[in-house]
Amino acid sequence: MSGSYERMNYITSFGFSIRWRKQLLKNLKVPAEKVKLIDLLTGMGETWGAVKTKFPNSEIYALDFSEEMIKHASQKNDKQFSQSVHIIQKDVLNSELPTEYFDIIICAFGLKTFNQEQLNHLARETKRILKPGGQFAFVEVSKPNNLLLYYLYRFYLGKVIPILGWLFLGNPREYKMLWKYTYLFKDSINAAEIFKSEGLQTKYDTYFFGCASGFHGYKKDSA
């Protein structure tokens, strides 16, 4: 999917993917000092531009395990960011990132692929690598509660997007998984509760009548 992922996100979400990324960042405070920010499951680095606008005095790290996504992200890093982003090709659940190293952790549209055990692991890793007082924010596409909107959303994600995927890729299989993941994931409530159970201060968020959801918060100071 990597070759068409960014433009597919924009086209199929009618631009909402960009809006939700920006709204994700609005939940975070801008520290006065320089911060280390990591974008987990970065994909092709679609959030980096908004990060630079919101946090101009930030050192950006980006992590993804997909070799193809990292390849496209590296090209963007070279062309648009003067190779200023530190790109890491690792599994977020086995990353060996340094403990209490990052001031801010963000993640856009990666939660739906995790099962319960993996979400627990992700919450523990988030707590481990985040500095005391550090912030985090996650966002994911979700099943809206409104019945009419739900059926429209299901039809669009389940039927229309695979057709668009076929037009872009010649194979709709990868894009068929989008609705399957979304249907099983439902929304970010469960993930938010898992993060809260790890002792992270967590607030649940919804976007556009529940078509996306997420959560943000911070790690308490050790003192």
N, C-alpha and C. Protein backbone atom coordinates (compact mmCIF):
# COMPACT_ATOMS: atom_id res chain seq x y z
N MET A 1 0.82 -1.21 0.00
CA MET A 1 0.00 0.00 0.00
C MET A 1 0.85 1.27 0.00
N SER A 2 2.13 1.14 0.28
CA SER A 2 2.94 2.33 0.58
C SER A 2 2.99 3.32 -0.57
N GLY A 3 2.97 2.82 -1.81
CA GLY A 3 3.09 3.71 -2.96
C GLY A 3 1.92 4.67 -3.11
N SER A 4 0.74 4.29 -2.61
CA SER A 4 -0.45 5.13 -2.77
C SER A 4 -1.04 5.58 -1.45
N TYR A 5 -0.39 5.24 -0.35
CA TYR A 5 -0.99 5.39 0.97
C TYR A 5 -1.36 6.83 1.30
N GLU A 6 -0.45 7.76 1.06
CA GLU A 6 -0.71 9.14 1.49
C GLU A 6 -1.83 9.78 0.68
N ARG A 7 -1.80 9.65 -0.63
CA ARG A 7 -2.86 10.27 -1.43
C ARG A 7 -4.19 9.55 -1.25
N MET A 8 -4.14 8.23 -1.01
CA MET A 8 -5.38 7.50 -0.73
C MET A 8 -6.01 7.99 0.57
N ASN A 9 -5.18 8.22 1.58
CA ASN A 9 -5.69 8.74 2.85
C ASN A 9 -6.41 10.06 2.64
N TYR A 10 -5.80 10.92 1.86
CA TYR A 10 -6.38 12.25 1.64
C TYR A 10 -7.67 12.17 0.84
N ILE A 11 -7.63 11.41 -0.26
CA ILE A 11 -8.80 11.33 -1.15
C ILE A 11 -9.97 10.63 -0.47
N THR A 12 -9.70 9.46 0.13
CA THR A 12 -10.79 8.66 0.67
C THR A 12 -11.39 9.24 1.95
N SER A 13 -10.64 10.08 2.64
CA SER A 13 -11.17 10.70 3.86
C SER A 13 -11.70 12.10 3.58
N PHE A 14 -11.69 12.51 2.30
CA PHE A 14 -12.13 13.86 1.92
C PHE A 14 -11.34 14.94 2.68
N GLY A 15 -10.09 14.64 2.95
CA GLY A 15 -9.23 15.59 3.66
C GLY A 15 -9.31 15.50 5.16
N PHE A 16 -10.22 14.66 5.69
CA PHE A 16 -10.37 14.56 7.14
C PHE A 16 -9.14 13.95 7.80
N SER A 17 -8.38 13.12 7.11
CA SER A 17 -7.18 12.53 7.71
C SER A 17 -6.20 13.62 8.12
N ILE A 18 -6.07 14.67 7.30
CA ILE A 18 -5.19 15.78 7.63
C ILE A 18 -5.78 16.58 8.80
N ARG A 19 -7.09 16.82 8.74
CA ARG A 19 -7.75 17.57 9.81
C ARG A 19 -7.61 16.86 11.13
N TRP A 20 -7.81 15.53 11.14
CA TRP A 20 -7.72 14.78 12.40
C TRP A 20 -6.30 14.75 12.94
N ARG A 21 -5.32 14.73 12.07
CA ARG A 21 -3.93 14.80 12.53
C ARG A 21 -3.67 16.14 13.23
N LYS A 22 -4.18 17.22 12.66
CA LYS A 22 -4.00 18.54 13.27
C LYS A 22 -4.76 18.64 14.59
N GLN A 23 -5.97 18.07 14.62
CA GLN A 23 -6.75 18.09 15.86
C GLN A 23 -6.07 17.26 16.95
N LEU A 24 -5.41 16.18 16.54
CA LEU A 24 -4.64 15.37 17.47
C LEU A 24 -3.60 16.22 18.18
N LEU A 25 -2.90 17.06 17.42
CA LEU A 25 -1.84 17.89 17.98
C LEU A 25 -2.38 19.03 18.84
N LYS A 26 -3.62 19.47 18.57
CA LYS A 26 -4.22 20.54 19.36
C LYS A 26 -4.40 20.14 20.82
N ASN A 27 -4.44 18.84 21.07
CA ASN A 27 -4.61 18.35 22.44
C ASN A 27 -3.32 18.46 23.26
N LEU A 28 -2.23 18.85 22.62
CA LEU A 28 -0.93 18.89 23.28
C LEU A 28 -0.50 20.33 23.54
N LYS A 29 0.09 20.56 24.69
CA LYS A 29 0.63 21.88 25.03
C LYS A 29 2.01 22.04 24.40
N VAL A 30 2.34 23.27 24.06
CA VAL A 30 3.64 23.57 23.46
C VAL A 30 4.60 24.02 24.55
N PRO A 31 5.58 23.20 24.89
CA PRO A 31 6.55 23.60 25.92
C PRO A 31 7.44 24.74 25.42
N ALA A 32 7.97 25.51 26.34
CA ALA A 32 8.85 26.61 25.98
C ALA A 32 10.20 26.11 25.49
N GLU A 33 10.65 25.00 26.06
CA GLU A 33 11.97 24.48 25.71
C GLU A 33 11.88 23.53 24.52
N LYS A 34 13.03 23.20 23.96
CA LYS A 34 13.08 22.25 22.86
C LYS A 34 12.66 20.88 23.36
N VAL A 35 11.89 20.17 22.54
CA VAL A 35 11.38 18.86 22.95
C VAL A 35 11.76 17.78 21.96
N LYS A 36 11.84 16.55 22.48
CA LYS A 36 12.01 15.38 21.64
C LYS A 36 10.63 14.74 21.45
N LEU A 37 10.19 14.65 20.21
CA LEU A 37 8.86 14.11 19.88
C LEU A 37 9.03 12.90 18.98
N ILE A 38 8.31 11.83 19.28
CA ILE A 38 8.37 10.65 18.43
C ILE A 38 6.99 10.35 17.87
N ASP A 39 6.95 10.09 16.57
CA ASP A 39 5.73 9.73 15.85
C ASP A 39 5.75 8.21 15.65
N LEU A 40 4.99 7.50 16.46
CA LEU A 40 4.95 6.04 16.37
C LEU A 40 4.09 5.62 15.18
N LEU A 41 4.45 4.50 14.53
CA LEU A 41 3.73 4.01 13.36
C LEU A 41 3.59 5.14 12.35
N THR A 42 4.71 5.75 12.05
CA THR A 42 4.72 7.02 11.29
C THR A 42 4.23 6.89 9.86
N GLY A 43 4.26 5.66 9.29
CA GLY A 43 3.86 5.51 7.89
C GLY A 43 4.81 6.26 6.99
N MET A 44 4.27 7.16 6.18
CA MET A 44 5.08 7.95 5.26
C MET A 44 5.40 9.33 5.83
N GLY A 45 5.16 9.50 7.13
CA GLY A 45 5.46 10.78 7.76
C GLY A 45 4.43 11.85 7.48
N GLU A 46 3.16 11.44 7.36
CA GLU A 46 2.11 12.40 6.99
C GLU A 46 1.85 13.45 8.06
N THR A 47 2.27 13.19 9.30
CA THR A 47 2.00 14.14 10.38
C THR A 47 3.14 15.12 10.60
N TRP A 48 4.27 14.90 9.97
CA TRP A 48 5.46 15.70 10.26
C TRP A 48 5.26 17.19 9.99
N GLY A 49 4.58 17.53 8.90
CA GLY A 49 4.38 18.93 8.56
C GLY A 49 3.60 19.66 9.65
N ALA A 50 2.53 19.03 10.12
CA ALA A 50 1.73 19.62 11.19
C ALA A 50 2.53 19.71 12.49
N VAL A 51 3.39 18.73 12.74
CA VAL A 51 4.23 18.74 13.93
C VAL A 51 5.19 19.93 13.88
N LYS A 52 5.81 20.16 12.74
CA LYS A 52 6.76 21.27 12.61
C LYS A 52 6.06 22.61 12.78
N THR A 53 4.82 22.70 12.32
CA THR A 53 4.06 23.94 12.50
C THR A 53 3.70 24.16 13.97
N LYS A 54 3.24 23.11 14.63
CA LYS A 54 2.83 23.20 16.04
C LYS A 54 4.02 23.30 16.98
N PHE A 55 5.06 22.52 16.69
CA PHE A 55 6.23 22.47 17.56
C PHE A 55 7.49 22.81 16.74
N PRO A 56 7.68 24.08 16.38
CA PRO A 56 8.83 24.44 15.55
C PRO A 56 10.17 24.16 16.22
N ASN A 57 10.15 24.14 17.54
CA ASN A 57 11.39 23.90 18.29
C ASN A 57 11.45 22.46 18.80
N SER A 58 11.16 21.53 17.88
CA SER A 58 11.14 20.12 18.27
C SER A 58 12.16 19.31 17.48
N GLU A 59 12.65 18.27 18.10
CA GLU A 59 13.49 17.28 17.44
C GLU A 59 12.60 16.06 17.20
N ILE A 60 12.36 15.75 15.92
CA ILE A 60 11.37 14.74 15.56
C ILE A 60 12.04 13.38 15.33
N TYR A 61 11.47 12.37 15.95
CA TYR A 61 11.83 10.98 15.70
C TYR A 61 10.59 10.30 15.10
N ALA A 62 10.81 9.33 14.25
CA ALA A 62 9.69 8.64 13.59
C ALA A 62 10.00 7.16 13.52
N LEU A 63 9.03 6.34 13.93
CA LEU A 63 9.24 4.89 13.99
C LEU A 63 8.17 4.15 13.20
N ASP A 64 8.60 3.17 12.43
CA ASP A 64 7.68 2.27 11.73
C ASP A 64 8.45 0.99 11.41
N PHE A 65 7.73 -0.13 11.36
CA PHE A 65 8.42 -1.40 11.08
C PHE A 65 8.38 -1.77 9.60
N SER A 66 7.55 -1.07 8.80
CA SER A 66 7.41 -1.39 7.39
C SER A 66 8.57 -0.83 6.56
N GLU A 67 9.29 -1.71 5.89
CA GLU A 67 10.42 -1.28 5.09
C GLU A 67 10.00 -0.33 3.97
N GLU A 68 8.86 -0.62 3.33
CA GLU A 68 8.40 0.23 2.23
C GLU A 68 7.93 1.60 2.72
N MET A 69 7.21 1.63 3.84
CA MET A 69 6.79 2.91 4.42
C MET A 69 8.01 3.74 4.79
N ILE A 70 8.99 3.11 5.39
CA ILE A 70 10.21 3.81 5.79
C ILE A 70 10.94 4.36 4.56
N LYS A 71 10.90 3.62 3.47
CA LYS A 71 11.55 4.09 2.24
C LYS A 71 10.91 5.39 1.76
N HIS A 72 9.58 5.43 1.73
CA HIS A 72 8.89 6.64 1.30
C HIS A 72 9.05 7.76 2.32
N ALA A 73 9.06 7.42 3.60
CA ALA A 73 9.27 8.43 4.63
C ALA A 73 10.66 9.05 4.51
N SER A 74 11.65 8.23 4.18
CA SER A 74 13.01 8.73 4.02
C SER A 74 13.12 9.68 2.84
N GLN A 75 12.38 9.38 1.77
CA GLN A 75 12.36 10.29 0.62
C GLN A 75 11.75 11.64 1.01
N LYS A 76 10.67 11.60 1.78
CA LYS A 76 10.05 12.85 2.25
C LYS A 76 11.01 13.60 3.18
N ASN A 77 11.69 12.87 4.03
CA ASN A 77 12.65 13.47 4.96
C ASN A 77 13.74 14.21 4.19
N ASP A 78 14.17 13.62 3.09
CA ASP A 78 15.23 14.21 2.28
C ASP A 78 14.73 15.45 1.52
N LYS A 79 13.53 15.35 0.92
CA LYS A 79 13.03 16.42 0.06
C LYS A 79 12.42 17.59 0.83
N GLN A 80 11.73 17.30 1.95
CA GLN A 80 10.97 18.34 2.63
C GLN A 80 11.51 18.74 4.00
N PHE A 81 12.33 17.89 4.60
CA PHE A 81 12.75 18.18 5.97
C PHE A 81 14.27 18.18 6.15
N SER A 82 14.99 18.26 5.04
CA SER A 82 16.46 18.37 5.07
C SER A 82 17.09 17.30 5.96
N GLN A 83 16.49 16.12 5.95
CA GLN A 83 16.96 14.97 6.72
C GLN A 83 17.05 15.26 8.22
N SER A 84 16.15 16.13 8.70
CA SER A 84 16.17 16.50 10.12
C SER A 84 15.42 15.51 11.01
N VAL A 85 14.58 14.64 10.40
CA VAL A 85 13.81 13.66 11.16
C VAL A 85 14.65 12.41 11.38
N HIS A 86 14.69 11.94 12.61
CA HIS A 86 15.43 10.71 12.93
C HIS A 86 14.49 9.52 12.69
N ILE A 87 14.72 8.78 11.62
CA ILE A 87 13.83 7.68 11.25
C ILE A 87 14.36 6.36 11.81
N ILE A 88 13.46 5.61 12.43
CA ILE A 88 13.82 4.35 13.06
C ILE A 88 12.94 3.24 12.51
N GLN A 89 13.55 2.22 11.93
CA GLN A 89 12.78 1.08 11.44
C GLN A 89 12.79 -0.01 12.51
N LYS A 90 11.74 -0.02 13.32
CA LYS A 90 11.62 -0.97 14.42
C LYS A 90 10.16 -1.31 14.65
N ASP A 91 9.91 -2.43 15.29
CA ASP A 91 8.59 -2.79 15.79
C ASP A 91 8.36 -2.01 17.08
N VAL A 92 7.27 -1.26 17.14
CA VAL A 92 7.02 -0.42 18.31
C VAL A 92 6.91 -1.24 19.59
N LEU A 93 6.56 -2.50 19.49
CA LEU A 93 6.43 -3.35 20.67
C LEU A 93 7.75 -4.00 21.06
N ASN A 94 8.76 -3.80 20.25
CA ASN A 94 10.09 -4.36 20.54
C ASN A 94 11.14 -3.42 19.97
N SER A 95 11.08 -2.18 20.42
CA SER A 95 11.85 -1.12 19.78
C SER A 95 13.20 -0.84 20.42
N GLU A 96 13.35 -1.19 21.67
CA GLU A 96 14.56 -0.90 22.45
C GLU A 96 14.85 0.60 22.49
N LEU A 97 13.80 1.42 22.43
CA LEU A 97 13.97 2.86 22.57
C LEU A 97 14.39 3.18 24.00
N PRO A 98 15.15 4.26 24.20
CA PRO A 98 15.63 4.58 25.55
C PRO A 98 14.50 4.95 26.50
N THR A 99 14.65 4.60 27.76
CA THR A 99 13.65 4.86 28.79
C THR A 99 13.62 6.34 29.17
N GLU A 100 12.41 6.87 29.36
CA GLU A 100 12.18 8.26 29.76
C GLU A 100 13.00 9.24 28.91
N TYR A 101 12.86 9.09 27.60
CA TYR A 101 13.67 9.87 26.66
C TYR A 101 12.85 10.94 25.93
N PHE A 102 11.55 10.68 25.68
CA PHE A 102 10.75 11.56 24.84
C PHE A 102 9.82 12.44 25.67
N ASP A 103 9.68 13.70 25.20
CA ASP A 103 8.76 14.65 25.82
C ASP A 103 7.34 14.47 25.31
N ILE A 104 7.22 14.05 24.05
CA ILE A 104 5.91 13.92 23.41
C ILE A 104 5.88 12.66 22.56
N ILE A 105 4.79 11.91 22.65
CA ILE A 105 4.56 10.73 21.80
C ILE A 105 3.24 10.93 21.07
N ILE A 106 3.25 10.75 19.75
CA ILE A 106 2.02 10.82 18.97
C ILE A 106 1.90 9.56 18.11
N CYS A 107 0.67 9.26 17.71
CA CYS A 107 0.42 8.11 16.83
C CYS A 107 -0.91 8.33 16.12
N ALA A 108 -0.89 8.30 14.81
CA ALA A 108 -2.10 8.53 14.01
C ALA A 108 -2.43 7.30 13.18
N PHE A 109 -3.59 6.72 13.42
CA PHE A 109 -4.18 5.66 12.60
C PHE A 109 -3.39 4.36 12.60
N GLY A 110 -2.90 3.97 13.77
CA GLY A 110 -2.22 2.69 13.88
C GLY A 110 -2.82 1.77 14.93
N LEU A 111 -3.67 2.30 15.79
CA LEU A 111 -4.20 1.51 16.91
C LEU A 111 -5.06 0.33 16.48
N LYS A 112 -5.81 0.48 15.39
CA LYS A 112 -6.80 -0.53 15.00
C LYS A 112 -6.19 -1.88 14.65
N THR A 113 -4.89 -1.91 14.41
CA THR A 113 -4.25 -3.17 14.03
C THR A 113 -3.76 -3.96 15.25
N PHE A 114 -3.94 -3.42 16.46
CA PHE A 114 -3.45 -4.08 17.66
C PHE A 114 -4.55 -4.88 18.35
N ASN A 115 -4.18 -6.06 18.86
CA ASN A 115 -5.12 -6.81 19.69
C ASN A 115 -4.97 -6.37 21.14
N GLN A 116 -5.74 -6.96 22.03
CA GLN A 116 -5.77 -6.54 23.43
C GLN A 116 -4.39 -6.63 24.09
N GLU A 117 -3.73 -7.75 23.90
CA GLU A 117 -2.41 -7.93 24.50
C GLU A 117 -1.42 -6.90 23.98
N GLN A 118 -1.49 -6.63 22.68
CA GLN A 118 -0.56 -5.66 22.09
C GLN A 118 -0.85 -4.23 22.57
N LEU A 119 -2.13 -3.91 22.78
CA LEU A 119 -2.47 -2.58 23.32
C LEU A 119 -1.91 -2.42 24.74
N ASN A 120 -1.99 -3.47 25.52
CA ASN A 120 -1.39 -3.42 26.86
C ASN A 120 0.11 -3.18 26.77
N HIS A 121 0.76 -3.86 25.85
CA HIS A 121 2.20 -3.70 25.65
C HIS A 121 2.52 -2.29 25.17
N LEU A 122 1.70 -1.78 24.25
CA LEU A 122 1.91 -0.42 23.73
C LEU A 122 1.79 0.62 24.85
N ALA A 123 0.81 0.44 25.73
CA ALA A 123 0.64 1.37 26.85
C ALA A 123 1.86 1.34 27.78
N ARG A 124 2.37 0.15 28.04
CA ARG A 124 3.55 0.04 28.90
C ARG A 124 4.77 0.68 28.25
N GLU A 125 4.91 0.48 26.94
CA GLU A 125 6.04 1.08 26.22
C GLU A 125 5.92 2.60 26.19
N THR A 126 4.70 3.10 26.00
CA THR A 126 4.49 4.54 26.01
C THR A 126 4.91 5.13 27.36
N LYS A 127 4.49 4.48 28.42
CA LYS A 127 4.86 4.95 29.77
C LYS A 127 6.36 4.86 29.99
N ARG A 128 6.97 3.81 29.48
CA ARG A 128 8.41 3.61 29.71
C ARG A 128 9.27 4.66 29.01
N ILE A 129 8.97 4.94 27.75
CA ILE A 129 9.85 5.83 26.97
C ILE A 129 9.52 7.31 27.17
N LEU A 130 8.39 7.61 27.82
CA LEU A 130 7.97 8.99 28.03
C LEU A 130 8.61 9.55 29.30
N LYS A 131 9.09 10.78 29.21
CA LYS A 131 9.64 11.44 30.39
C LYS A 131 8.52 11.73 31.40
N PRO A 132 8.84 11.81 32.68
CA PRO A 132 7.84 12.27 33.65
C PRO A 132 7.32 13.65 33.25
N GLY A 133 6.01 13.81 33.22
CA GLY A 133 5.42 15.06 32.77
C GLY A 133 5.23 15.13 31.27
N GLY A 134 5.72 14.12 30.55
CA GLY A 134 5.60 14.10 29.09
C GLY A 134 4.18 13.83 28.63
N GLN A 135 3.89 14.25 27.38
CA GLN A 135 2.54 14.16 26.84
C GLN A 135 2.44 13.09 25.75
N PHE A 136 1.22 12.62 25.51
CA PHE A 136 0.97 11.68 24.42
C PHE A 136 -0.40 11.95 23.82
N ALA A 137 -0.56 11.54 22.55
CA ALA A 137 -1.85 11.69 21.86
C ALA A 137 -1.95 10.66 20.76
N PHE A 138 -3.11 9.98 20.67
CA PHE A 138 -3.37 8.95 19.68
C PHE A 138 -4.70 9.25 19.00
N VAL A 139 -4.82 8.90 17.72
CA VAL A 139 -6.08 9.04 17.00
C VAL A 139 -6.26 7.85 16.08
N GLU A 140 -7.53 7.44 15.84
CA GLU A 140 -7.82 6.29 15.00
C GLU A 140 -9.20 6.44 14.37
N VAL A 141 -9.38 5.92 13.15
CA VAL A 141 -10.72 5.87 12.56
C VAL A 141 -11.57 4.92 13.38
N SER A 142 -12.87 5.20 13.46
CA SER A 142 -13.73 4.46 14.39
C SER A 142 -15.12 4.28 13.81
N LYS A 143 -15.89 3.41 14.47
CA LYS A 143 -17.29 3.19 14.10
C LYS A 143 -18.15 4.27 14.76
N PRO A 144 -18.84 5.11 13.98
CA PRO A 144 -19.71 6.12 14.59
C PRO A 144 -20.93 5.49 15.24
N ASN A 145 -21.45 6.12 16.28
CA ASN A 145 -22.61 5.59 17.00
C ASN A 145 -23.92 5.87 16.28
N ASN A 146 -23.98 6.97 15.53
CA ASN A 146 -25.18 7.30 14.78
C ASN A 146 -25.44 6.21 13.74
N LEU A 147 -26.65 5.62 13.76
CA LEU A 147 -26.94 4.44 12.92
C LEU A 147 -26.83 4.75 11.43
N LEU A 148 -27.40 5.88 11.00
CA LEU A 148 -27.33 6.24 9.59
C LEU A 148 -25.90 6.48 9.16
N LEU A 149 -25.17 7.22 9.96
CA LEU A 149 -23.77 7.50 9.65
C LEU A 149 -22.95 6.21 9.65
N TYR A 150 -23.29 5.30 10.57
CA TYR A 150 -22.58 4.02 10.64
C TYR A 150 -22.74 3.23 9.34
N TYR A 151 -23.97 3.13 8.81
CA TYR A 151 -24.20 2.36 7.58
C TYR A 151 -23.53 3.03 6.38
N LEU A 152 -23.56 4.35 6.33
CA LEU A 152 -22.87 5.06 5.25
C LEU A 152 -21.37 4.84 5.35
N TYR A 153 -20.85 4.92 6.56
CA TYR A 153 -19.42 4.75 6.80
C TYR A 153 -18.99 3.33 6.45
N ARG A 154 -19.81 2.34 6.85
CA ARG A 154 -19.49 0.94 6.55
C ARG A 154 -19.48 0.70 5.05
N PHE A 155 -20.46 1.24 4.35
CA PHE A 155 -20.52 1.07 2.90
C PHE A 155 -19.31 1.73 2.24
N TYR A 156 -18.98 2.92 2.72
CA TYR A 156 -17.87 3.65 2.09
C TYR A 156 -16.54 2.95 2.33
N LEU A 157 -16.26 2.61 3.61
CA LEU A 157 -14.99 1.96 3.92
C LEU A 157 -14.92 0.55 3.38
N GLY A 158 -16.06 -0.16 3.42
CA GLY A 158 -16.06 -1.57 3.04
C GLY A 158 -16.18 -1.82 1.55
N LYS A 159 -16.84 -0.91 0.82
CA LYS A 159 -17.10 -1.14 -0.61
C LYS A 159 -16.41 -0.15 -1.53
N VAL A 160 -16.51 1.14 -1.19
CA VAL A 160 -15.99 2.17 -2.10
C VAL A 160 -14.46 2.24 -2.07
N ILE A 161 -13.90 2.25 -0.86
CA ILE A 161 -12.45 2.36 -0.75
C ILE A 161 -11.71 1.20 -1.42
N PRO A 162 -12.17 -0.07 -1.30
CA PRO A 162 -11.50 -1.14 -2.05
C PRO A 162 -11.51 -0.92 -3.57
N ILE A 163 -12.57 -0.31 -4.09
CA ILE A 163 -12.61 0.00 -5.52
C ILE A 163 -11.54 1.04 -5.85
N LEU A 164 -11.44 2.07 -5.00
CA LEU A 164 -10.40 3.07 -5.21
C LEU A 164 -9.01 2.45 -5.07
N GLY A 165 -8.89 1.49 -4.14
CA GLY A 165 -7.62 0.78 -4.00
C GLY A 165 -7.28 -0.01 -5.24
N TRP A 166 -8.31 -0.59 -5.87
CA TRP A 166 -8.08 -1.31 -7.11
C TRP A 166 -7.62 -0.35 -8.22
N LEU A 167 -8.18 0.84 -8.25
CA LEU A 167 -7.79 1.83 -9.25
C LEU A 167 -6.34 2.26 -9.07
N PHE A 168 -5.93 2.40 -7.80
CA PHE A 168 -4.57 2.84 -7.52
C PHE A 168 -3.57 1.70 -7.61
N LEU A 169 -3.97 0.50 -7.12
CA LEU A 169 -3.02 -0.60 -6.97
C LEU A 169 -3.25 -1.75 -7.93
N GLY A 170 -4.48 -1.83 -8.47
CA GLY A 170 -4.82 -3.00 -9.26
C GLY A 170 -5.17 -4.19 -8.39
N ASN A 171 -5.27 -3.96 -7.09
CA ASN A 171 -5.57 -5.03 -6.13
C ASN A 171 -6.24 -4.41 -4.90
N PRO A 172 -7.52 -4.69 -4.68
CA PRO A 172 -8.23 -4.06 -3.56
C PRO A 172 -8.04 -4.76 -2.22
N ARG A 173 -7.28 -5.86 -2.18
CA ARG A 173 -7.22 -6.70 -0.97
C ARG A 173 -6.77 -5.91 0.25
N GLU A 174 -5.69 -5.13 0.12
CA GLU A 174 -5.17 -4.41 1.27
C GLU A 174 -6.18 -3.40 1.81
N TYR A 175 -6.89 -2.74 0.88
CA TYR A 175 -7.83 -1.72 1.33
C TYR A 175 -9.14 -2.32 1.86
N LYS A 176 -9.42 -3.56 1.53
CA LYS A 176 -10.58 -4.23 2.13
C LYS A 176 -10.38 -4.41 3.63
N MET A 177 -9.13 -4.49 4.05
CA MET A 177 -8.84 -4.71 5.47
C MET A 177 -9.20 -3.50 6.33
N LEU A 178 -9.30 -2.31 5.70
CA LEU A 178 -9.56 -1.09 6.47
C LEU A 178 -10.85 -1.19 7.28
N TRP A 179 -11.95 -1.61 6.61
CA TRP A 179 -13.21 -1.73 7.35
C TRP A 179 -13.16 -2.88 8.34
N LYS A 180 -12.51 -3.99 8.00
CA LYS A 180 -12.43 -5.12 8.92
C LYS A 180 -11.72 -4.72 10.21
N TYR A 181 -10.61 -4.00 10.06
CA TYR A 181 -9.90 -3.53 11.24
C TYR A 181 -10.76 -2.55 12.04
N THR A 182 -11.41 -1.62 11.32
CA THR A 182 -12.23 -0.60 11.98
C THR A 182 -13.41 -1.25 12.71
N TYR A 183 -14.05 -2.23 12.08
CA TYR A 183 -15.21 -2.91 12.67
C TYR A 183 -14.82 -3.61 13.97
N LEU A 184 -13.68 -4.29 13.95
CA LEU A 184 -13.24 -5.02 15.14
C LEU A 184 -12.73 -4.07 16.22
N PHE A 185 -12.10 -2.99 15.81
CA PHE A 185 -11.55 -2.03 16.77
C PHE A 185 -12.65 -1.23 17.46
N LYS A 186 -13.69 -0.86 16.71
CA LYS A 186 -14.84 -0.07 17.18
C LYS A 186 -14.45 1.37 17.43
N ASP A 187 -13.80 1.64 18.56
CA ASP A 187 -13.36 2.99 18.88
C ASP A 187 -12.21 2.91 19.87
N SER A 188 -11.76 4.07 20.33
CA SER A 188 -10.55 4.11 21.16
C SER A 188 -10.83 4.02 22.65
N ILE A 189 -12.08 3.77 23.03
CA ILE A 189 -12.42 3.74 24.46
C ILE A 189 -11.62 2.68 25.21
N ASN A 190 -11.58 1.47 24.66
CA ASN A 190 -10.85 0.38 25.31
C ASN A 190 -9.37 0.72 25.44
N ALA A 191 -8.79 1.24 24.36
CA ALA A 191 -7.37 1.59 24.41
C ALA A 191 -7.11 2.69 25.44
N ALA A 192 -8.00 3.66 25.51
CA ALA A 192 -7.85 4.74 26.49
C ALA A 192 -7.88 4.19 27.91
N GLU A 193 -8.76 3.23 28.16
CA GLU A 193 -8.85 2.63 29.49
C GLU A 193 -7.59 1.84 29.83
N ILE A 194 -7.03 1.19 28.82
CA ILE A 194 -5.78 0.45 29.04
C ILE A 194 -4.65 1.40 29.42
N PHE A 195 -4.54 2.52 28.71
CA PHE A 195 -3.51 3.50 29.04
C PHE A 195 -3.73 4.07 30.45
N LYS A 196 -4.99 4.30 30.79
CA LYS A 196 -5.31 4.81 32.12
C LYS A 196 -4.93 3.80 33.20
N SER A 197 -5.15 2.51 32.90
CA SER A 197 -4.83 1.46 33.88
C SER A 197 -3.33 1.35 34.14
N GLU A 198 -2.52 1.86 33.20
CA GLU A 198 -1.07 1.85 33.39
C GLU A 198 -0.60 3.05 34.21
N GLY A 199 -1.54 3.87 34.68
CA GLY A 199 -1.18 5.01 35.51
C GLY A 199 -0.97 6.29 34.73
N LEU A 200 -1.29 6.29 33.44
CA LEU A 200 -1.17 7.49 32.61
C LEU A 200 -2.45 8.31 32.71
N GLN A 201 -2.32 9.60 32.89
CA GLN A 201 -3.48 10.49 32.91
C GLN A 201 -4.04 10.58 31.50
N THR A 202 -5.26 10.11 31.28
CA THR A 202 -5.78 9.90 29.93
C THR A 202 -7.18 10.47 29.78
N LYS A 203 -7.40 11.20 28.68
CA LYS A 203 -8.71 11.75 28.35
C LYS A 203 -9.13 11.27 26.97
N TYR A 204 -10.36 10.77 26.86
CA TYR A 204 -10.89 10.23 25.60
C TYR A 204 -11.36 11.37 24.69
N ASP A 205 -11.15 11.22 23.38
CA ASP A 205 -11.52 12.24 22.39
C ASP A 205 -12.33 11.60 21.26
N THR A 206 -13.28 12.35 20.72
CA THR A 206 -13.99 11.91 19.52
C THR A 206 -13.94 13.03 18.47
N TYR A 207 -13.99 12.63 17.20
CA TYR A 207 -13.91 13.58 16.09
C TYR A 207 -15.00 13.27 15.07
N PHE A 208 -15.64 14.31 14.57
CA PHE A 208 -16.65 14.22 13.52
C PHE A 208 -17.67 13.11 13.77
N PHE A 209 -18.45 13.30 14.84
CA PHE A 209 -19.55 12.39 15.18
C PHE A 209 -19.10 10.94 15.39
N GLY A 210 -17.86 10.79 15.84
CA GLY A 210 -17.36 9.45 16.15
C GLY A 210 -16.71 8.71 14.99
N CYS A 211 -16.55 9.37 13.84
CA CYS A 211 -15.87 8.71 12.71
C CYS A 211 -14.39 8.51 12.99
N ALA A 212 -13.88 9.24 13.95
CA ALA A 212 -12.53 9.01 14.47
C ALA A 212 -12.59 9.23 15.97
N SER A 213 -11.68 8.61 16.66
CA SER A 213 -11.61 8.76 18.11
C SER A 213 -10.16 8.62 18.54
N GLY A 214 -9.91 8.95 19.77
CA GLY A 214 -8.54 8.84 20.28
C GLY A 214 -8.50 9.22 21.73
N PHE A 215 -7.30 9.53 22.19
CA PHE A 215 -7.12 9.94 23.57
C PHE A 215 -5.78 10.67 23.70
N HIS A 216 -5.69 11.47 24.71
CA HIS A 216 -4.44 12.17 24.98
C HIS A 216 -4.24 12.27 26.48
N GLY A 217 -3.05 12.62 26.89
CA GLY A 217 -2.79 12.74 28.30
C GLY A 217 -1.32 12.96 28.59
N TYR A 218 -0.93 12.61 29.79
CA TYR A 218 0.46 12.83 30.19
C TYR A 218 0.86 11.80 31.25
N LYS A 219 2.16 11.71 31.44
CA LYS A 219 2.72 10.83 32.46
C LYS A 219 3.03 11.68 33.70
N LYS A 220 2.56 11.26 34.84
CA LYS A 220 2.77 12.01 36.07
C LYS A 220 4.26 12.13 36.37
N ASP A 221 4.63 13.25 36.97
CA ASP A 221 6.00 13.40 37.47
C ASP A 221 6.26 12.36 38.54
N SER A 222 7.46 11.84 38.53
CA SER A 222 7.81 10.80 39.50
C SER A 222 7.72 11.31 40.94
N ALA A 223 7.90 12.62 41.09
CA ALA A 223 7.82 13.20 42.43
C ALA A 223 6.36 13.28 42.87
